Amino acid sequence: MNQRLDQELRVIVTRDGTPQAGVTVAWTTGDGSLDRSTEETKDDGISTAAWTLGANAGAQTARAEVAGATGSPVVFAATATASQPPPPSPAATRPSYEHRGDRGNDFFRSGSAKSYSFRFTQAGTYTYDCAVHGSG
């Protein structure tokens, strides 16, 4: 969130397939900010704008519009995601143990700790290594 996209938004304005210079493109977004509100196309007919996504996670849009042009406006879409997952709740980090018998490795030899469980609070893909079953 509040992430600046790595690449600028780009539109090309053409007339009968030929790039048009000097055409005003209006850039707008209701989510986040753009580094400009208008720009005239360059000799190659291209106008660009850098987009910083808004503070809320989820789908966001920006638009490039040329008054009276066919195919205008062009709508760009992006999805803002959290920069870092939120920290787990204290209950999620508290291990719970159950007796599974002696397995012959350091984890299972350490006192009453026979297994470990963890409750995930954030959707995602997690890699783990089980001494008995291998990685998964």
N, C-alpha and C. Protein backbone atom coordinates (compact mmCIF):
# COMPACT_ATOMS: atom_id res chain seq x y z
N MET A 1 0.85 -1.16 0.00
CA MET A 1 0.00 0.00 0.00
C MET A 1 0.90 1.22 0.00
N ASN A 2 0.41 2.28 -0.61
CA ASN A 2 1.24 3.46 -0.86
C ASN A 2 2.50 3.05 -1.61
N GLN A 3 2.36 2.08 -2.53
CA GLN A 3 3.48 1.56 -3.30
C GLN A 3 3.54 2.25 -4.65
N ARG A 4 4.71 2.73 -5.00
CA ARG A 4 4.89 3.29 -6.34
C ARG A 4 5.17 2.13 -7.28
N LEU A 5 4.43 2.08 -8.39
CA LEU A 5 4.63 1.00 -9.35
C LEU A 5 6.00 1.13 -9.99
N ASP A 6 6.62 -0.02 -10.27
CA ASP A 6 7.96 -0.04 -10.86
C ASP A 6 8.00 0.57 -12.25
N GLN A 7 6.92 0.42 -13.01
CA GLN A 7 6.89 0.95 -14.37
C GLN A 7 5.81 2.03 -14.47
N GLU A 8 6.09 3.03 -15.28
CA GLU A 8 5.11 4.09 -15.52
C GLU A 8 3.95 3.57 -16.36
N LEU A 9 2.80 4.20 -16.21
CA LEU A 9 1.68 3.94 -17.09
C LEU A 9 1.99 4.64 -18.41
N ARG A 10 1.60 4.03 -19.54
CA ARG A 10 1.92 4.59 -20.86
C ARG A 10 0.73 4.45 -21.78
N VAL A 11 0.45 5.49 -22.52
CA VAL A 11 -0.53 5.42 -23.61
C VAL A 11 0.10 6.01 -24.85
N ILE A 12 -0.34 5.53 -26.00
CA ILE A 12 0.10 6.10 -27.27
C ILE A 12 -1.15 6.62 -27.98
N VAL A 13 -1.05 7.84 -28.46
CA VAL A 13 -2.16 8.47 -29.18
C VAL A 13 -1.80 8.45 -30.67
N THR A 14 -2.72 7.87 -31.44
CA THR A 14 -2.49 7.79 -32.89
C THR A 14 -3.71 8.32 -33.64
N ARG A 15 -3.46 8.73 -34.87
CA ARG A 15 -4.54 9.09 -35.80
C ARG A 15 -4.25 8.31 -37.08
N ASP A 16 -5.20 7.44 -37.44
CA ASP A 16 -5.03 6.58 -38.61
C ASP A 16 -3.71 5.80 -38.54
N GLY A 17 -3.34 5.37 -37.30
CA GLY A 17 -2.14 4.56 -37.11
C GLY A 17 -0.85 5.33 -36.97
N THR A 18 -0.91 6.68 -37.10
CA THR A 18 0.29 7.51 -37.00
C THR A 18 0.34 8.16 -35.62
N PRO A 19 1.47 7.99 -34.87
CA PRO A 19 1.59 8.64 -33.54
C PRO A 19 1.43 10.15 -33.66
N GLN A 20 0.72 10.71 -32.69
CA GLN A 20 0.42 12.15 -32.69
C GLN A 20 1.14 12.85 -31.54
N ALA A 21 1.95 13.86 -31.85
CA ALA A 21 2.64 14.67 -30.84
C ALA A 21 1.76 15.84 -30.44
N GLY A 22 1.95 16.31 -29.20
CA GLY A 22 1.28 17.53 -28.74
C GLY A 22 -0.17 17.35 -28.34
N VAL A 23 -0.64 16.13 -28.14
CA VAL A 23 -2.02 15.89 -27.72
C VAL A 23 -2.04 15.83 -26.19
N THR A 24 -2.98 16.56 -25.58
CA THR A 24 -3.07 16.57 -24.11
C THR A 24 -3.78 15.33 -23.61
N VAL A 25 -3.09 14.61 -22.71
CA VAL A 25 -3.65 13.43 -22.04
C VAL A 25 -3.91 13.82 -20.59
N ALA A 26 -5.15 13.60 -20.13
CA ALA A 26 -5.51 13.86 -18.73
C ALA A 26 -5.37 12.56 -17.94
N TRP A 27 -4.58 12.59 -16.88
CA TRP A 27 -4.35 11.43 -16.01
C TRP A 27 -5.11 11.62 -14.71
N THR A 28 -5.89 10.62 -14.31
CA THR A 28 -6.64 10.70 -13.05
C THR A 28 -6.64 9.36 -12.33
N THR A 29 -6.81 9.41 -11.04
CA THR A 29 -7.00 8.22 -10.22
C THR A 29 -7.79 8.61 -8.97
N GLY A 30 -8.64 7.71 -8.53
CA GLY A 30 -9.33 7.90 -7.27
C GLY A 30 -8.60 7.18 -6.15
N ASP A 31 -7.53 6.48 -6.53
CA ASP A 31 -6.77 5.66 -5.59
C ASP A 31 -5.30 6.05 -5.67
N GLY A 32 -4.76 6.62 -4.63
CA GLY A 32 -3.34 6.99 -4.62
C GLY A 32 -3.10 8.29 -5.34
N SER A 33 -1.97 8.36 -6.05
CA SER A 33 -1.62 9.61 -6.72
C SER A 33 -0.81 9.31 -7.99
N LEU A 34 -0.88 10.27 -8.91
CA LEU A 34 -0.10 10.24 -10.14
C LEU A 34 0.86 11.41 -10.10
N ASP A 35 2.01 11.28 -10.76
CA ASP A 35 2.99 12.37 -10.71
C ASP A 35 2.62 13.55 -11.60
N ARG A 36 1.53 13.42 -12.36
CA ARG A 36 1.05 14.54 -13.18
C ARG A 36 -0.43 14.37 -13.44
N SER A 37 -1.10 15.46 -13.71
CA SER A 37 -2.53 15.39 -14.04
C SER A 37 -2.75 15.50 -15.54
N THR A 38 -1.83 16.17 -16.25
CA THR A 38 -1.89 16.23 -17.71
C THR A 38 -0.48 16.17 -18.27
N GLU A 39 -0.40 15.72 -19.51
CA GLU A 39 0.87 15.73 -20.21
C GLU A 39 0.60 15.71 -21.70
N GLU A 40 1.37 16.47 -22.46
CA GLU A 40 1.27 16.42 -23.92
C GLU A 40 2.12 15.26 -24.42
N THR A 41 1.59 14.57 -25.43
CA THR A 41 2.33 13.45 -26.01
C THR A 41 3.61 13.95 -26.66
N LYS A 42 4.62 13.09 -26.63
CA LYS A 42 5.92 13.40 -27.25
C LYS A 42 5.83 13.10 -28.76
N ASP A 43 6.95 13.23 -29.44
CA ASP A 43 6.98 12.98 -30.89
C ASP A 43 6.53 11.55 -31.25
N ASP A 44 6.73 10.61 -30.32
CA ASP A 44 6.33 9.22 -30.57
C ASP A 44 4.86 8.96 -30.22
N GLY A 45 4.14 10.02 -29.81
CA GLY A 45 2.72 9.90 -29.46
C GLY A 45 2.46 9.34 -28.08
N ILE A 46 3.52 9.18 -27.28
CA ILE A 46 3.38 8.54 -25.97
C ILE A 46 3.31 9.57 -24.85
N SER A 47 2.43 9.29 -23.90
CA SER A 47 2.33 10.05 -22.65
C SER A 47 2.48 9.04 -21.51
N THR A 48 3.16 9.44 -20.44
CA THR A 48 3.39 8.54 -19.31
C THR A 48 3.02 9.23 -18.01
N ALA A 49 2.78 8.40 -16.99
CA ALA A 49 2.55 8.91 -15.64
C ALA A 49 3.00 7.85 -14.65
N ALA A 50 3.65 8.28 -13.58
CA ALA A 50 4.05 7.36 -12.51
C ALA A 50 2.90 7.30 -11.50
N TRP A 51 2.53 6.08 -11.10
CA TRP A 51 1.38 5.87 -10.21
C TRP A 51 1.84 5.30 -8.89
N THR A 52 1.47 5.98 -7.82
CA THR A 52 1.66 5.47 -6.47
C THR A 52 0.29 5.02 -5.97
N LEU A 53 0.17 3.73 -5.66
CA LEU A 53 -1.11 3.18 -5.23
C LEU A 53 -1.55 3.79 -3.91
N GLY A 54 -2.85 3.73 -3.66
CA GLY A 54 -3.42 4.29 -2.44
C GLY A 54 -3.14 3.44 -1.22
N ALA A 55 -3.58 3.94 -0.07
CA ALA A 55 -3.28 3.31 1.21
C ALA A 55 -4.09 2.05 1.49
N ASN A 56 -5.20 1.85 0.81
CA ASN A 56 -6.04 0.70 1.08
C ASN A 56 -5.68 -0.48 0.20
N ALA A 57 -5.63 -1.66 0.79
CA ALA A 57 -5.36 -2.89 0.03
C ALA A 57 -6.55 -3.18 -0.88
N GLY A 58 -6.26 -3.75 -2.05
CA GLY A 58 -7.32 -4.15 -2.97
C GLY A 58 -7.15 -3.53 -4.34
N ALA A 59 -8.17 -3.73 -5.17
CA ALA A 59 -8.15 -3.25 -6.55
C ALA A 59 -8.20 -1.73 -6.61
N GLN A 60 -7.41 -1.16 -7.52
CA GLN A 60 -7.36 0.29 -7.71
C GLN A 60 -7.28 0.58 -9.21
N THR A 61 -7.71 1.78 -9.60
CA THR A 61 -7.69 2.12 -11.03
C THR A 61 -7.13 3.52 -11.25
N ALA A 62 -6.59 3.70 -12.46
CA ALA A 62 -6.15 5.02 -12.94
C ALA A 62 -6.62 5.12 -14.39
N ARG A 63 -6.75 6.36 -14.88
CA ARG A 63 -7.27 6.58 -16.24
C ARG A 63 -6.41 7.58 -16.99
N ALA A 64 -6.33 7.32 -18.29
CA ALA A 64 -5.74 8.28 -19.23
C ALA A 64 -6.83 8.63 -20.21
N GLU A 65 -7.07 9.94 -20.39
CA GLU A 65 -8.18 10.35 -21.25
C GLU A 65 -7.76 11.46 -22.20
N VAL A 66 -8.20 11.30 -23.45
CA VAL A 66 -8.02 12.34 -24.47
C VAL A 66 -9.42 12.74 -24.90
N ALA A 67 -9.77 14.01 -24.71
CA ALA A 67 -11.12 14.49 -25.02
C ALA A 67 -11.47 14.21 -26.47
N GLY A 68 -12.62 13.55 -26.66
CA GLY A 68 -13.15 13.30 -28.00
C GLY A 68 -12.48 12.17 -28.76
N ALA A 69 -11.52 11.48 -28.16
CA ALA A 69 -10.81 10.42 -28.89
C ALA A 69 -11.54 9.08 -28.79
N THR A 70 -11.52 8.34 -29.87
CA THR A 70 -12.06 6.98 -29.88
C THR A 70 -11.18 6.11 -28.99
N GLY A 71 -11.81 5.27 -28.16
CA GLY A 71 -11.05 4.40 -27.27
C GLY A 71 -10.64 5.05 -25.97
N SER A 72 -11.05 6.29 -25.79
CA SER A 72 -10.72 7.02 -24.56
C SER A 72 -11.92 6.98 -23.63
N PRO A 73 -11.73 6.80 -22.35
CA PRO A 73 -10.46 6.71 -21.63
C PRO A 73 -9.89 5.29 -21.65
N VAL A 74 -8.60 5.22 -21.36
CA VAL A 74 -7.94 3.95 -21.13
C VAL A 74 -7.86 3.79 -19.61
N VAL A 75 -8.31 2.63 -19.12
CA VAL A 75 -8.33 2.38 -17.67
C VAL A 75 -7.25 1.37 -17.33
N PHE A 76 -6.46 1.71 -16.33
CA PHE A 76 -5.41 0.83 -15.82
C PHE A 76 -5.87 0.29 -14.47
N ALA A 77 -5.54 -0.97 -14.17
CA ALA A 77 -5.92 -1.58 -12.91
C ALA A 77 -4.70 -2.18 -12.22
N ALA A 78 -4.68 -2.09 -10.91
CA ALA A 78 -3.61 -2.68 -10.10
C ALA A 78 -4.21 -3.12 -8.78
N THR A 79 -3.53 -4.01 -8.09
CA THR A 79 -3.99 -4.47 -6.78
C THR A 79 -2.94 -4.11 -5.75
N ALA A 80 -3.33 -3.31 -4.77
CA ALA A 80 -2.42 -2.94 -3.69
C ALA A 80 -2.44 -4.04 -2.64
N THR A 81 -1.25 -4.40 -2.17
CA THR A 81 -1.12 -5.42 -1.13
C THR A 81 -0.36 -4.84 0.05
N ALA A 82 -0.52 -5.47 1.19
CA ALA A 82 0.18 -5.03 2.39
C ALA A 82 1.68 -5.18 2.17
N SER A 83 2.47 -4.21 2.61
CA SER A 83 3.92 -4.26 2.47
C SER A 83 4.50 -5.41 3.26
N GLN A 84 4.02 -5.58 4.46
CA GLN A 84 4.47 -6.64 5.34
C GLN A 84 3.23 -7.27 5.95
N PRO A 85 3.26 -8.58 6.16
CA PRO A 85 2.11 -9.16 6.84
C PRO A 85 2.05 -8.64 8.27
N PRO A 86 0.87 -8.51 8.82
CA PRO A 86 0.78 -8.06 10.20
C PRO A 86 1.41 -9.09 11.12
N PRO A 87 1.92 -8.66 12.27
CA PRO A 87 2.53 -9.62 13.18
C PRO A 87 1.47 -10.59 13.70
N PRO A 88 1.85 -11.84 13.95
CA PRO A 88 0.87 -12.78 14.48
C PRO A 88 0.44 -12.39 15.88
N SER A 89 -0.75 -12.80 16.23
CA SER A 89 -1.24 -12.52 17.57
C SER A 89 -0.43 -13.32 18.58
N PRO A 90 -0.36 -12.88 19.84
CA PRO A 90 0.40 -13.64 20.85
C PRO A 90 -0.05 -15.09 20.94
N ALA A 91 -1.34 -15.35 20.78
CA ALA A 91 -1.83 -16.73 20.87
C ALA A 91 -1.29 -17.57 19.72
N ALA A 92 -1.06 -16.97 18.56
CA ALA A 92 -0.58 -17.72 17.40
C ALA A 92 0.87 -18.13 17.56
N THR A 93 1.65 -17.39 18.33
CA THR A 93 3.07 -17.71 18.47
C THR A 93 3.34 -18.63 19.65
N ARG A 94 2.33 -18.92 20.44
CA ARG A 94 2.50 -19.80 21.59
C ARG A 94 2.43 -21.24 21.11
N PRO A 95 3.51 -22.02 21.25
CA PRO A 95 3.47 -23.41 20.77
C PRO A 95 2.58 -24.27 21.64
N SER A 96 1.99 -25.27 21.03
CA SER A 96 1.27 -26.28 21.80
C SER A 96 1.92 -27.62 21.50
N TYR A 97 1.98 -28.47 22.49
CA TYR A 97 2.69 -29.73 22.36
C TYR A 97 1.76 -30.89 22.64
N GLU A 98 2.07 -31.99 21.99
CA GLU A 98 1.38 -33.23 22.31
C GLU A 98 2.41 -34.35 22.26
N HIS A 99 2.17 -35.42 23.01
CA HIS A 99 3.13 -36.52 23.09
C HIS A 99 3.03 -37.38 21.84
N ARG A 100 4.14 -37.58 21.15
CA ARG A 100 4.18 -38.44 19.98
C ARG A 100 5.22 -39.55 20.15
N GLY A 101 5.87 -39.60 21.29
CA GLY A 101 6.90 -40.63 21.49
C GLY A 101 8.27 -40.12 21.11
N ASP A 102 9.29 -40.86 21.51
CA ASP A 102 10.68 -40.47 21.27
C ASP A 102 11.05 -40.71 19.81
N ARG A 103 11.55 -39.69 19.10
CA ARG A 103 11.90 -39.81 17.69
C ARG A 103 13.41 -39.86 17.44
N GLY A 104 14.21 -39.61 18.46
CA GLY A 104 15.65 -39.71 18.27
C GLY A 104 16.31 -38.51 17.64
N ASN A 105 15.66 -37.35 17.61
CA ASN A 105 16.36 -36.15 17.16
C ASN A 105 16.28 -35.10 18.26
N ASP A 106 17.06 -34.03 18.14
CA ASP A 106 17.16 -33.05 19.22
C ASP A 106 15.81 -32.45 19.60
N PHE A 107 14.96 -32.17 18.61
CA PHE A 107 13.67 -31.56 18.92
C PHE A 107 12.84 -32.47 19.81
N PHE A 108 12.77 -33.74 19.44
CA PHE A 108 11.93 -34.66 20.20
C PHE A 108 12.58 -35.11 21.51
N ARG A 109 13.89 -34.93 21.67
CA ARG A 109 14.56 -35.28 22.91
C ARG A 109 14.47 -34.18 23.95
N SER A 110 14.04 -32.98 23.59
CA SER A 110 14.11 -31.83 24.50
C SER A 110 12.94 -31.83 25.47
N GLY A 111 13.05 -32.60 26.51
CA GLY A 111 12.04 -32.61 27.58
C GLY A 111 10.72 -33.14 27.10
N SER A 112 9.64 -32.40 27.41
CA SER A 112 8.31 -32.88 27.06
C SER A 112 7.89 -32.48 25.66
N ALA A 113 8.72 -31.72 24.95
CA ALA A 113 8.36 -31.26 23.61
C ALA A 113 8.41 -32.43 22.63
N LYS A 114 7.26 -32.89 22.19
CA LYS A 114 7.18 -34.02 21.28
C LYS A 114 6.69 -33.62 19.90
N SER A 115 5.97 -32.54 19.79
CA SER A 115 5.56 -32.00 18.50
C SER A 115 5.30 -30.51 18.69
N TYR A 116 5.15 -29.82 17.57
CA TYR A 116 4.95 -28.37 17.61
C TYR A 116 3.84 -28.02 16.64
N SER A 117 2.95 -27.14 17.05
CA SER A 117 1.92 -26.68 16.11
C SER A 117 1.92 -25.16 16.10
N PHE A 118 1.50 -24.61 14.97
CA PHE A 118 1.47 -23.16 14.79
C PHE A 118 0.21 -22.79 14.02
N ARG A 119 -0.53 -21.79 14.49
CA ARG A 119 -1.74 -21.35 13.81
C ARG A 119 -1.38 -20.16 12.93
N PHE A 120 -1.61 -20.29 11.62
CA PHE A 120 -1.31 -19.23 10.68
C PHE A 120 -2.47 -18.25 10.65
N THR A 121 -2.15 -16.96 10.70
CA THR A 121 -3.19 -15.92 10.72
C THR A 121 -3.24 -15.14 9.42
N GLN A 122 -2.34 -15.44 8.50
CA GLN A 122 -2.27 -14.72 7.22
C GLN A 122 -2.31 -15.76 6.10
N ALA A 123 -3.15 -15.53 5.09
CA ALA A 123 -3.20 -16.43 3.95
C ALA A 123 -1.88 -16.39 3.22
N GLY A 124 -1.46 -17.51 2.67
CA GLY A 124 -0.22 -17.53 1.92
C GLY A 124 0.31 -18.93 1.77
N THR A 125 1.54 -19.04 1.26
CA THR A 125 2.20 -20.32 1.10
C THR A 125 3.35 -20.37 2.09
N TYR A 126 3.41 -21.44 2.86
CA TYR A 126 4.41 -21.59 3.90
C TYR A 126 5.19 -22.88 3.66
N THR A 127 6.51 -22.81 3.71
CA THR A 127 7.36 -23.97 3.55
C THR A 127 7.79 -24.43 4.94
N TYR A 128 7.79 -25.73 5.15
CA TYR A 128 8.20 -26.26 6.44
C TYR A 128 9.04 -27.50 6.22
N ASP A 129 9.75 -27.93 7.25
CA ASP A 129 10.56 -29.14 7.20
C ASP A 129 10.18 -30.00 8.40
N CYS A 130 9.66 -31.19 8.14
CA CYS A 130 9.29 -32.14 9.17
C CYS A 130 10.38 -33.18 9.25
N ALA A 131 10.93 -33.40 10.45
CA ALA A 131 12.02 -34.36 10.61
C ALA A 131 11.59 -35.77 10.23
N VAL A 132 10.32 -36.07 10.35
CA VAL A 132 9.81 -37.41 10.04
C VAL A 132 9.40 -37.52 8.58
N HIS A 133 8.68 -36.52 8.07
CA HIS A 133 8.08 -36.60 6.73
C HIS A 133 8.82 -35.80 5.66
N GLY A 134 9.79 -35.00 6.02
CA GLY A 134 10.51 -34.18 5.05
C GLY A 134 9.88 -32.81 4.88
N SER A 135 10.30 -32.09 3.85
CA SER A 135 9.80 -30.72 3.66
C SER A 135 8.48 -30.75 2.91
N GLY A 136 7.71 -29.68 3.11
CA GLY A 136 6.42 -29.59 2.43
C GLY A 136 5.99 -28.17 2.29
